[in-house]
PDB file of N, CA and C in Angstrom:
ATOM      1  N   MET A   1      10.674  -7.692  -6.740  1.00  0.00           N
ATOM      2  CA  MET A   1      10.380  -7.716  -5.319  1.00  0.00           C
ATOM      3  C   MET A   1       8.851  -8.089  -5.139  1.00  0.00           C
ATOM      4  N   LEU A   2       8.570  -8.856  -4.082  1.00  0.00           N
ATOM      5  CA  LEU A   2       7.313  -9.367  -3.822  1.00  0.00           C
ATOM      6  C   LEU A   2       7.057  -9.216  -2.407  1.00  0.00           C
ATOM      7  N   ALA A   3       5.688  -8.896  -1.986  1.00  0.00           N
ATOM      8  CA  ALA A   3       5.221  -8.804  -0.679  1.00  0.00           C
ATOM      9  C   ALA A   3       3.889  -9.384  -0.425  1.00  0.00           C
ATOM     10  N   ILE A   4       3.555  -9.800   0.740  1.00  0.00           N
ATOM     11  CA  ILE A   4       2.298 -10.143   1.112  1.00  0.00           C
ATOM     12  C   ILE A   4       1.840  -9.222   2.189  1.00  0.00           C
ATOM     13  N   ILE A   5       0.798  -8.525   1.955  1.00  0.00           N
ATOM     14  CA  ILE A   5       0.222  -7.544   2.876  1.00  0.00           C
ATOM     15  C   ILE A   5      -1.081  -7.974   3.425  1.00  0.00           C
ATOM     16  N   LYS A   6      -1.423  -7.522   4.594  1.00  0.00           N
ATOM     17  CA  LYS A   6      -2.724  -7.749   5.201  1.00  0.00           C
ATOM     18  C   LYS A   6      -3.490  -6.494   5.353  1.00  0.00           C
ATOM     19  N   THR A   7      -4.666  -6.364   4.794  1.00  0.00           N
ATOM     20  CA  THR A   7      -5.632  -5.253   4.940  1.00  0.00           C
ATOM     21  C   THR A   7      -7.054  -5.563   4.869  1.00  0.00           C
ATOM     22  N   GLY A   8      -7.886  -5.073   5.691  1.00  0.00           N
ATOM     23  CA  GLY A   8      -9.252  -5.395   5.606  1.00  0.00           C
ATOM     24  C   GLY A   8      -9.580  -6.825   5.997  1.00  0.00           C
ATOM     25  N   GLY A   9      -8.718  -7.515   6.804  1.00  0.00           N
ATOM     26  CA  GLY A   9      -8.923  -8.916   7.114  1.00  0.00           C
ATOM     27  C   GLY A   9      -8.603  -9.870   5.992  1.00  0.00           C
ATOM     28  N   LYS A  10      -8.015  -9.403   5.070  1.00  0.00           N
ATOM     29  CA  LYS A  10      -7.622 -10.252   3.855  1.00  0.00           C
ATOM     30  C   LYS A  10      -6.093 -10.108   3.605  1.00  0.00           C
ATOM     31  N   GLN A  11      -5.586 -11.068   2.887  1.00  0.00           N
ATOM     32  CA  GLN A  11      -4.119 -10.968   2.504  1.00  0.00           C
ATOM     33  C   GLN A  11      -3.930 -10.871   1.042  1.00  0.00           C
ATOM     34  N   TYR A  12      -3.019 -10.098   0.515  1.00  0.00           N
ATOM     35  CA  TYR A  12      -2.911  -9.825  -0.871  1.00  0.00           C
ATOM     36  C   TYR A  12      -1.338  -9.957  -1.213  1.00  0.00           C
ATOM     37  N   ILE A  13      -1.052 -10.702  -2.403  1.00  0.00           N
ATOM     38  CA  ILE A  13       0.288 -10.716  -2.860  1.00  0.00           C
ATOM     39  C   ILE A  13       0.508  -9.608  -3.770  1.00  0.00           C
ATOM     40  N   VAL A  14       1.476  -8.800  -3.519  1.00  0.00           N
ATOM     41  CA  VAL A  14       1.700  -7.569  -4.332  1.00  0.00           C
ATOM     42  C   VAL A  14       3.114  -7.372  -4.788  1.00  0.00           C
ATOM     43  N   SER A  15       3.264  -6.672  -5.857  1.00  0.00           N
ATOM     44  CA  SER A  15       4.565  -6.257  -6.296  1.00  0.00           C
ATOM     45  C   SER A  15       4.408  -4.840  -6.869  1.00  0.00           C
ATOM     46  N   PRO A  16       5.430  -4.163  -7.099  1.00  0.00           N
ATOM     47  CA  PRO A  16       5.239  -2.765  -7.789  1.00  0.00           C
ATOM     48  C   PRO A  16       4.570  -2.724  -9.084  1.00  0.00           C
ATOM     49  N   ASP A  17       3.642  -1.713  -9.245  1.00  0.00           N
ATOM     50  CA  ASP A  17       2.792  -1.648 -10.500  1.00  0.00           C
ATOM     51  C   ASP A  17       1.656  -2.609 -10.575  1.00  0.00           C
ATOM     52  N   ASP A  18       1.330  -3.246  -9.388  1.00  0.00           N
ATOM     53  CA  ASP A  18       0.165  -4.080  -9.396  1.00  0.00           C
ATOM     54  C   ASP A  18      -0.999  -3.246  -9.035  1.00  0.00           C
ATOM     55  N   GLU A  19      -2.168  -3.636  -9.437  1.00  0.00           N
ATOM     56  CA  GLU A  19      -3.407  -3.014  -9.102  1.00  0.00           C
ATOM     57  C   GLU A  19      -4.359  -4.014  -8.353  1.00  0.00           C
ATOM     58  N   ILE A  20      -4.751  -3.725  -7.154  1.00  0.00           N
ATOM     59  CA  ILE A  20      -5.499  -4.574  -6.424  1.00  0.00           C
ATOM     60  C   ILE A  20      -6.769  -4.028  -5.942  1.00  0.00           C
ATOM     61  N   LYS A  21      -7.951  -4.794  -5.702  1.00  0.00           N
ATOM     62  CA  LYS A  21      -9.104  -4.303  -5.127  1.00  0.00           C
ATOM     63  C   LYS A  21      -9.242  -4.633  -3.672  1.00  0.00           C
ATOM     64  N   ILE A  22      -9.266  -3.703  -2.704  1.00  0.00           N
ATOM     65  CA  ILE A  22      -9.257  -3.967  -1.342  1.00  0.00           C
ATOM     66  C   ILE A  22     -10.620  -3.379  -0.709  1.00  0.00           C
ATOM     67  N   GLU A  23     -10.781  -3.798   0.571  1.00  0.00           N
ATOM     68  CA  GLU A  23     -11.838  -3.082   1.307  1.00  0.00           C
ATOM     69  C   GLU A  23     -11.715  -1.728   1.477  1.00  0.00           C
ATOM     70  N   LYS A  24     -12.783  -0.945   1.519  1.00  0.00           N
ATOM     71  CA  LYS A  24     -12.766   0.596   1.575  1.00  0.00           C
ATOM     72  C   LYS A  24     -12.025   0.922   2.957  1.00  0.00           C
ATOM     73  N   ILE A  25     -11.173   1.898   2.903  1.00  0.00           N
ATOM     74  CA  ILE A  25     -10.477   2.377   4.044  1.00  0.00           C
ATOM     75  C   ILE A  25     -11.046   3.786   4.338  1.00  0.00           C
ATOM     76  N   LYS A  26     -11.339   3.964   5.749  1.00  0.00           N
ATOM     77  CA  LYS A  26     -11.972   5.119   6.180  1.00  0.00           C
ATOM     78  C   LYS A  26     -11.043   6.309   5.969  1.00  0.00           C
ATOM     79  N   ASP A  27     -11.612   7.482   5.806  1.00  0.00           N
ATOM     80  CA  ASP A  27     -10.831   8.809   5.771  1.00  0.00           C
ATOM     81  C   ASP A  27      -9.838   8.855   4.580  1.00  0.00           C
ATOM     82  N   LYS A  28     -10.018   8.143   3.514  1.00  0.00           N
ATOM     83  CA  LYS A  28      -9.155   8.076   2.333  1.00  0.00           C
ATOM     84  C   LYS A  28      -9.984   8.317   1.145  1.00  0.00           C
ATOM     85  N   LYS A  29      -9.493   9.085   0.231  1.00  0.00           N
ATOM     86  CA  LYS A  29     -10.299   9.374  -0.991  1.00  0.00           C
ATOM     87  C   LYS A  29      -9.350   9.061  -2.273  1.00  0.00           C
ATOM     88  N   GLU A  30     -10.017   9.254  -3.421  1.00  0.00           N
ATOM     89  CA  GLU A  30      -9.322   8.996  -4.674  1.00  0.00           C
ATOM     90  C   GLU A  30      -8.125   9.904  -4.747  1.00  0.00           C
ATOM     91  N   GLY A  31      -6.887   9.384  -5.241  1.00  0.00           N
ATOM     92  CA  GLY A  31      -5.819  10.245  -5.328  1.00  0.00           C
ATOM     93  C   GLY A  31      -4.891  10.213  -4.123  1.00  0.00           C
ATOM     94  N   ASP A  32      -5.421   9.805  -2.972  1.00  0.00           N
ATOM     95  CA  ASP A  32      -4.577   9.762  -1.686  1.00  0.00           C
ATOM     96  C   ASP A  32      -3.584   8.680  -1.814  1.00  0.00           C
ATOM     97  N   GLU A  33      -2.490   8.866  -1.126  1.00  0.00           N
ATOM     98  CA  GLU A  33      -1.496   7.684  -0.886  1.00  0.00           C
ATOM     99  C   GLU A  33      -1.739   6.954   0.300  1.00  0.00           C
ATOM    100  N   VAL A  34      -1.684   5.651   0.269  1.00  0.00           N
ATOM    101  CA  VAL A  34      -1.911   4.742   1.338  1.00  0.00           C
ATOM    102  C   VAL A  34      -0.664   3.956   1.628  1.00  0.00           C
ATOM    103  N   SER A  35      -0.347   3.742   2.956  1.00  0.00           N
ATOM    104  CA  SER A  35       0.730   2.861   3.251  1.00  0.00           C
ATOM    105  C   SER A  35       0.289   1.697   4.172  1.00  0.00           C
ATOM    106  N   PHE A  36       0.778   0.507   3.652  1.00  0.00           N
ATOM    107  CA  PHE A  36       0.392  -0.765   4.350  1.00  0.00           C
ATOM    108  C   PHE A  36       1.516  -1.085   5.204  1.00  0.00           C
ATOM    109  N   GLU A  37       1.430  -1.168   6.507  1.00  0.00           N
ATOM    110  CA  GLU A  37       2.638  -1.473   7.364  1.00  0.00           C
ATOM    111  C   GLU A  37       2.493  -2.951   7.947  1.00  0.00           C
ATOM    112  N   GLN A  38       1.389  -3.667   7.635  1.00  0.00           N
ATOM    113  CA  GLN A  38       1.299  -5.006   8.078  1.00  0.00           C
ATOM    114  C   GLN A  38       1.645  -5.826   6.927  1.00  0.00           C
ATOM    115  N   VAL A  39       2.971  -6.078   6.754  1.00  0.00           N
ATOM    116  CA  VAL A  39       3.607  -6.843   5.776  1.00  0.00           C
ATOM    117  C   VAL A  39       4.000  -8.199   6.411  1.00  0.00           C
ATOM    118  N   LEU A  40       3.519  -9.280   5.701  1.00  0.00           N
ATOM    119  CA  LEU A  40       3.718 -10.639   6.376  1.00  0.00           C
ATOM    120  C   LEU A  40       4.935 -11.291   5.811  1.00  0.00           C
ATOM    121  N   LEU A  41       5.148 -11.042   4.443  1.00  0.00           N
ATOM    122  CA  LEU A  41       6.392 -11.735   3.891  1.00  0.00           C
ATOM    123  C   LEU A  41       6.943 -10.758   2.883  1.00  0.00           C
ATOM    124  N   VAL A  42       8.303 -10.723   2.626  1.00  0.00           N
ATOM    125  CA  VAL A  42       8.874  -9.987   1.707  1.00  0.00           C
ATOM    126  C   VAL A  42       9.942 -10.878   0.876  1.00  0.00           C
ATOM    127  N   GLN A  43       9.945 -10.809  -0.384  1.00  0.00           N
ATOM    128  CA  GLN A  43      10.908 -11.622  -1.209  1.00  0.00           C
ATOM    129  C   GLN A  43      11.736 -10.603  -1.886  1.00  0.00           C
ATOM    130  N   LYS A  44      13.082 -10.737  -1.665  1.00  0.00           N
ATOM    131  CA  LYS A  44      14.083  -9.838  -2.480  1.00  0.00           C
ATOM    132  C   LYS A  44      14.971 -10.784  -3.111  1.00  0.00           C
ATOM    133  N   GLN A  45      15.129 -10.612  -4.450  1.00  0.00           N
ATOM    134  CA  GLN A  45      15.919 -11.468  -5.254  1.00  0.00           C
ATOM    135  C   GLN A  45      15.703 -12.893  -4.954  1.00  0.00           C
ATOM    136  N   LYS A  46      16.618 -13.625  -4.244  1.00  0.00           N
ATOM    137  CA  LYS A  46      16.379 -14.991  -3.904  1.00  0.00           C
ATOM    138  C   LYS A  46      16.180 -15.197  -2.443  1.00  0.00           C
ATOM    139  N   SER A  47      16.146 -14.157  -1.645  1.00  0.00           N
ATOM    140  CA  SER A  47      15.944 -14.277  -0.196  1.00  0.00           C
ATOM    141  C   SER A  47      14.615 -13.993   0.226  1.00  0.00           C
ATOM    142  N   ILE A  48      14.002 -14.701   1.080  1.00  0.00           N
ATOM    143  CA  ILE A  48      12.701 -14.543   1.577  1.00  0.00           C
ATOM    144  C   ILE A  48      12.668 -14.227   3.136  1.00  0.00           C
ATOM    145  N   GLU A  49      11.966 -13.156   3.538  1.00  0.00           N
ATOM    146  CA  GLU A  49      11.964 -12.743   4.907  1.00  0.00           C
ATOM    147  C   GLU A  49      10.487 -12.936   5.326  1.00  0.00           C
ATOM    148  N   ILE A  50      10.244 -13.729   6.382  1.00  0.00           N
ATOM    149  CA  ILE A  50       8.979 -14.017   6.879  1.00  0.00           C
ATOM    150  C   ILE A  50       8.834 -13.376   8.334  1.00  0.00           C
ATOM    151  N   GLY A  51       7.727 -12.643   8.486  1.00  0.00           N
ATOM    152  CA  GLY A  51       7.517 -11.894   9.644  1.00  0.00           C
ATOM    153  C   GLY A  51       6.908 -12.811  10.809  1.00  0.00           C
ATOM    154  N   THR A  52       7.069 -12.311  12.025  1.00  0.00           N
ATOM    155  CA  THR A  52       6.477 -13.004  13.187  1.00  0.00           C
ATOM    156  C   THR A  52       5.666 -12.020  13.983  1.00  0.00           C
ATOM    157  N   PRO A  53       4.529 -11.637  13.772  1.00  0.00           N
ATOM    158  CA  PRO A  53       3.643 -11.871  12.681  1.00  0.00           C
ATOM    159  C   PRO A  53       3.902 -10.974  11.485  1.00  0.00           C
ATOM    160  N   PHE A  54       4.548  -9.781  11.708  1.00  0.00           N
ATOM    161  CA  PHE A  54       4.859  -8.864  10.708  1.00  0.00           C
ATOM    162  C   PHE A  54       6.413  -8.631  10.467  1.00  0.00           C
ATOM    163  N   VAL A  55       6.730  -8.230   9.271  1.00  0.00           N
ATOM    164  CA  VAL A  55       8.222  -8.026   8.985  1.00  0.00           C
ATOM    165  C   VAL A  55       8.484  -6.549   9.490  1.00  0.00           C
ATOM    166  N   LYS A  56       9.459  -6.322  10.289  1.00  0.00           N
ATOM    167  CA  LYS A  56       9.714  -4.994  10.936  1.00  0.00           C
ATOM    168  C   LYS A  56      10.473  -4.118   9.865  1.00  0.00           C
ATOM    169  N   GLY A  57      10.080  -2.883   9.828  1.00  0.00           N
ATOM    170  CA  GLY A  57      10.732  -1.846   8.937  1.00  0.00           C
ATOM    171  C   GLY A  57      10.348  -1.853   7.471  1.00  0.00           C
ATOM    172  N   VAL A  58       9.486  -2.698   7.081  1.00  0.00           N
ATOM    173  CA  VAL A  58       9.042  -2.837   5.654  1.00  0.00           C
ATOM    174  C   VAL A  58       7.713  -2.191   5.549  1.00  0.00           C
ATOM    175  N   LYS A  59       7.548  -1.318   4.465  1.00  0.00           N
ATOM    176  CA  LYS A  59       6.282  -0.613   4.294  1.00  0.00           C
ATOM    177  C   LYS A  59       6.010  -0.701   2.843  1.00  0.00           C
ATOM    178  N   VAL A  60       4.721  -1.031   2.408  1.00  0.00           N
ATOM    179  CA  VAL A  60       4.232  -0.930   1.034  1.00  0.00           C
ATOM    180  C   VAL A  60       3.398   0.329   0.894  1.00  0.00           C
ATOM    181  N   THR A  61       3.612   1.189  -0.236  1.00  0.00           N
ATOM    182  CA  THR A  61       2.960   2.285  -0.422  1.00  0.00           C
ATOM    183  C   THR A  61       2.136   2.188  -1.687  1.00  0.00           C
ATOM    184  N   GLY A  62       1.011   2.694  -1.750  1.00  0.00           N
ATOM    185  CA  GLY A  62       0.108   2.713  -2.967  1.00  0.00           C
ATOM    186  C   GLY A  62      -0.725   3.967  -3.100  1.00  0.00           C
ATOM    187  N   LYS A  63      -1.328   4.054  -4.252  1.00  0.00           N
ATOM    188  CA  LYS A  63      -2.196   5.198  -4.638  1.00  0.00           C
ATOM    189  C   LYS A  63      -3.546   4.774  -4.935  1.00  0.00           C
ATOM    190  N   ILE A  64      -4.562   5.386  -4.386  1.00  0.00           N
ATOM    191  CA  ILE A  64      -5.947   4.960  -4.622  1.00  0.00           C
ATOM    192  C   ILE A  64      -6.404   5.474  -6.006  1.00  0.00           C
ATOM    193  N   LEU A  65      -6.743   4.619  -6.844  1.00  0.00           N
ATOM    194  CA  LEU A  65      -7.186   4.998  -8.196  1.00  0.00           C
ATOM    195  C   LEU A  65      -8.728   5.153  -8.215  1.00  0.00           C
ATOM    196  N   ILE A  66      -9.464   4.267  -7.788  1.00  0.00           N
ATOM    197  CA  ILE A  66     -10.881   4.318  -7.890  1.00  0.00           C
ATOM    198  C   ILE A  66     -11.512   3.857  -6.470  1.00  0.00           C
ATOM    199  N   GLU A  67     -12.592   4.671  -6.095  1.00  0.00           N
ATOM    200  CA  GLU A  67     -13.343   4.207  -5.042  1.00  0.00           C
ATOM    201  C   GLU A  67     -14.834   3.962  -5.557  1.00  0.00           C
ATOM    202  N   GLY A  68     -15.251   2.834  -5.338  1.00  0.00           N
ATOM    203  CA  GLY A  68     -16.565   2.393  -5.896  1.00  0.00           C
ATOM    204  C   GLY A  68     -17.408   1.405  -5.090  1.00  0.00           C
ATOM    205  N   ARG A  69     -18.358   0.858  -5.677  1.00  0.00           N
ATOM    206  CA  ARG A  69     -19.105  -0.200  -5.086  1.00  0.00           C
ATOM    207  C   ARG A  69     -19.216  -1.399  -6.103  1.00  0.00           C
ATOM    208  N   ALA A  70     -19.145  -2.612  -5.565  1.00  0.00           N
ATOM    209  CA  ALA A  70     -19.238  -3.752  -6.445  1.00  0.00           C
ATOM    210  C   ALA A  70     -20.633  -4.053  -6.848  1.00  0.00           C
ATOM    211  N   LYS A  71     -20.825  -5.007  -7.673  1.00  0.00           N
ATOM    212  CA  LYS A  71     -22.124  -5.392  -8.243  1.00  0.00           C
ATOM    213  C   LYS A  71     -22.976  -5.833  -7.130  1.00  0.00           C
ATOM    214  N   LYS A  72     -24.314  -5.727  -7.271  1.00  0.00           N
ATOM    215  CA  LYS A  72     -25.258  -6.064  -6.164  1.00  0.00           C
ATOM    216  C   LYS A  72     -25.387  -7.566  -5.994  1.00  0.00           C
ATOM    217  N   ILE A  73     -25.376  -7.797  -4.735  1.00  0.00           N
ATOM    218  CA  ILE A  73     -25.533  -9.286  -4.393  1.00  0.00           C
ATOM    219  C   ILE A  73     -26.943  -9.442  -3.663  1.00  0.00           C
ATOM    220  N   THR A  74     -27.736 -10.332  -4.130  1.00  0.00           N
ATOM    221  CA  THR A  74     -29.030 -10.483  -3.563  1.00  0.00           C
ATOM    222  C   THR A  74     -29.093 -11.830  -2.780  1.00  0.00           C
ATOM    223  N   THR A  75     -29.800 -11.763  -1.614  1.00  0.00           N
ATOM    224  CA  THR A  75     -30.030 -12.954  -0.852  1.00  0.00           C
ATOM    225  C   THR A  75     -31.515 -13.189  -0.635  1.00  0.00           C
ATOM    226  N   LEU A  76     -31.800 -14.398  -0.502  1.00  0.00           N
ATOM    227  CA  LEU A  76     -33.282 -14.758  -0.323  1.00  0.00           C
ATOM    228  C   LEU A  76     -33.480 -15.740   0.838  1.00  0.00           C
ATOM    229  N   LYS A  77     -34.219 -15.365   1.659  1.00  0.00           N
ATOM    230  CA  LYS A  77     -34.377 -16.288   2.846  1.00  0.00           C
ATOM    231  C   LYS A  77     -35.920 -16.726   2.737  1.00  0.00           C
ATOM    232  N   TYR A  78     -36.058 -18.033   2.799  1.00  0.00           N
ATOM    233  CA  TYR A  78     -37.461 -18.633   2.693  1.00  0.00           C
ATOM    234  C   TYR A  78     -37.720 -19.705   3.631  1.00  0.00           C
ATOM    235  N   LYS A  79     -38.844 -19.669   4.274  1.00  0.00           N
ATOM    236  CA  LYS A  79     -39.237 -20.668   5.186  1.00  0.00           C
ATOM    237  C   LYS A  79     -40.504 -21.375   4.643  1.00  0.00           C
ATOM    238  N   ALA A  80     -40.418 -22.715   4.462  1.00  0.00           N
ATOM    239  CA  ALA A  80     -41.516 -23.456   3.931  1.00  0.00           C
ATOM    240  C   ALA A  80     -42.685 -23.503   4.885  1.00  0.00           C
ATOM    241  N   LYS A  81     -43.813 -23.564   4.301  1.00  0.00           N
ATOM    242  CA  LYS A  81     -45.148 -23.686   5.021  1.00  0.00           C
ATOM    243  C   LYS A  81     -45.525 -22.572   5.933  1.00  0.00           C
ATOM    244  N   THR A  82     -44.776 -21.441   5.961  1.00  0.00           N
ATOM    245  CA  THR A  82     -45.121 -20.430   6.799  1.00  0.00           C
ATOM    246  C   THR A  82     -45.401 -19.058   6.054  1.00  0.00           C
ATOM    247  N   ARG A  83     -45.229 -19.212   4.710  1.00  0.00           N
ATOM    248  CA  ARG A  83     -45.351 -18.072   3.716  1.00  0.00           C
ATOM    249  C   ARG A  83     -44.460 -16.971   4.074  1.00  0.00           C
ATOM    250  N   SER A  84     -43.363 -17.296   4.567  1.00  0.00           N
ATOM    251  CA  SER A  84     -42.313 -16.282   4.869  1.00  0.00           C
ATOM    252  C   SER A  84     -41.210 -16.247   3.811  1.00  0.00           C
ATOM    253  N   LYS A  85     -41.015 -15.019   3.308  1.00  0.00           N
ATOM    254  CA  LYS A  85     -39.992 -14.828   2.269  1.00  0.00           C
ATOM    255  C   LYS A  85     -39.318 -13.442   2.446  1.00  0.00           C
ATOM    256  N   VAL A  86     -37.952 -13.368   2.529  1.00  0.00           N
ATOM    257  CA  VAL A  86     -37.362 -12.036   2.672  1.00  0.00           C
ATOM    258  C   VAL A  86     -36.189 -12.014   1.537  1.00  0.00           C
ATOM    259  N   LYS A  87     -36.322 -10.984   0.859  1.00  0.00           N
ATOM    260  CA  LYS A  87     -35.292 -10.690  -0.214  1.00  0.00           C
ATOM    261  C   LYS A  87     -34.593  -9.406   0.116  1.00  0.00           C
ATOM    262  N   LYS A  88     -33.262  -9.522   0.175  1.00  0.00           N
ATOM    263  CA  LYS A  88     -32.320  -8.398   0.568  1.00  0.00           C
ATOM    264  C   LYS A  88     -31.314  -8.192  -0.493  1.00  0.00           C
ATOM    265  N   GLY A  89     -30.745  -7.110  -0.643  1.00  0.00           N
ATOM    266  CA  GLY A  89     -29.710  -6.824  -1.605  1.00  0.00           C
ATOM    267  C   GLY A  89     -28.647  -5.874  -0.938  1.00  0.00           C
ATOM    268  N   SER A  90     -27.333  -5.993  -1.377  1.00  0.00           N
ATOM    269  CA  SER A  90     -26.391  -5.078  -0.779  1.00  0.00           C
ATOM    270  C   SER A  90     -25.258  -5.005  -1.820  1.00  0.00           C
ATOM    271  N   ARG A  91     -24.510  -3.764  -1.810  1.00  0.00           N
ATOM    272  CA  ARG A  91     -23.363  -3.619  -2.650  1.00  0.00           C
ATOM    273  C   ARG A  91     -22.145  -3.209  -1.664  1.00  0.00           C
ATOM    274  N   GLN A  92     -21.083  -4.055  -1.844  1.00  0.00           N
ATOM    275  CA  GLN A  92     -19.904  -3.901  -1.084  1.00  0.00           C
ATOM    276  C   GLN A  92     -18.974  -2.826  -1.605  1.00  0.00           C
ATOM    277  N   PRO A  93     -18.590  -1.687  -0.783  1.00  0.00           N
ATOM    278  CA  PRO A  93     -17.738  -0.756  -1.246  1.00  0.00           C
ATOM    279  C   PRO A  93     -16.365  -1.264  -1.296  1.00  0.00           C
ATOM    280  N   PHE A  94     -15.571  -0.803  -2.235  1.00  0.00           N
ATOM    281  CA  PHE A  94     -14.161  -1.238  -2.451  1.00  0.00           C
ATOM    282  C   PHE A  94     -13.234  -0.002  -2.928  1.00  0.00           C
ATOM    283  N   MET A  95     -11.932  -0.210  -2.878  1.00  0.00           N
ATOM    284  CA  MET A  95     -11.031   0.708  -3.361  1.00  0.00           C
ATOM    285  C   MET A  95     -10.072  -0.036  -4.336  1.00  0.00           C
ATOM    286  N   LYS A  96      -9.720   0.578  -5.491  1.00  0.00           N
ATOM    287  CA  LYS A  96      -8.794   0.061  -6.361  1.00  0.00           C
ATOM    288  C   LYS A  96      -7.433   0.788  -6.127  1.00  0.00           C
ATOM    289  N   VAL A  97      -6.410   0.064  -5.681  1.00  0.00           N
ATOM    290  CA  VAL A  97      -5.077   0.639  -5.298  1.00  0.00           C
ATOM    291  C   VAL A  97      -3.976   0.214  -6.245  1.00  0.00           C
ATOM    292  N   LYS A  98      -3.117   1.147  -6.714  1.00  0.00           N
ATOM    293  CA  LYS A  98      -1.934   0.833  -7.486  1.00  0.00           C
ATOM    294  C   LYS A  98      -0.789   0.788  -6.495  1.00  0.00           C
ATOM    295  N   ILE A  99      -0.122  -0.298  -6.430  1.00  0.00           N
ATOM    296  CA  ILE A  99       1.137  -0.321  -5.615  1.00  0.00           C
ATOM    297  C   ILE A  99       2.266   0.380  -6.259  1.00  0.00           C
ATOM    298  N   LEU A 100       2.857   1.329  -5.518  1.00  0.00           N
ATOM    299  CA  LEU A 100       3.867   2.142  -6.033  1.00  0.00           C
ATOM    300  C   LEU A 100       5.269   1.635  -5.707  1.00  0.00           C
ATOM    301  N   LYS A 101       5.584   1.340  -4.395  1.00  0.00           N
ATOM    302  CA  LYS A 101       6.775   0.839  -4.183  1.00  0.00           C
ATOM    303  C   LYS A 101       6.742   0.009  -2.783  1.00  0.00           C
ATOM    304  N   ILE A 102       7.882  -0.901  -2.574  1.00  0.00           N
ATOM    305  CA  ILE A 102       7.973  -1.579  -1.391  1.00  0.00           C
ATOM    306  C   ILE A 102       9.298  -1.093  -0.834  1.00  0.00           C
ATOM    307  N   THR A 103       9.217  -0.406   0.404  1.00  0.00           N
ATOM    308  CA  THR A 103      10.446   0.116   1.021  1.00  0.00           C
ATOM    309  C   THR A 103      10.800  -0.661   2.259  1.00  0.00           C
ATOM    310  N   GLU A 104      12.159  -0.655   2.564  1.00  0.00           N
ATOM    311  CA  GLU A 104      12.572  -1.214   3.785  1.00  0.00           C
ATOM    312  C   GLU A 104      13.045  -0.248   4.848  1.00  0.00           C
TER     313      GLU A 104
END
């Protein structure tokens, strides 16, 4: 079984026992269960069900394994001839989720 879910403004192809990195979800911690109800596509055996925009009655559940922050990304803004230079850095928070099941 295969599904395409939407979370955090991105789409992910998932199946049971997959581990995915997603954007951080508010009010959730490590060990909590998460349900994704925005399912765009479901493939069962040889039949494919496409939602308009979401498939009704299908839910994907997962468990949060890790809550962390990604590697630091640095940006540099430079303007020539004005002696202007700005260096910034940021770390994006993420959650690693293990997909448990896809239910109808």
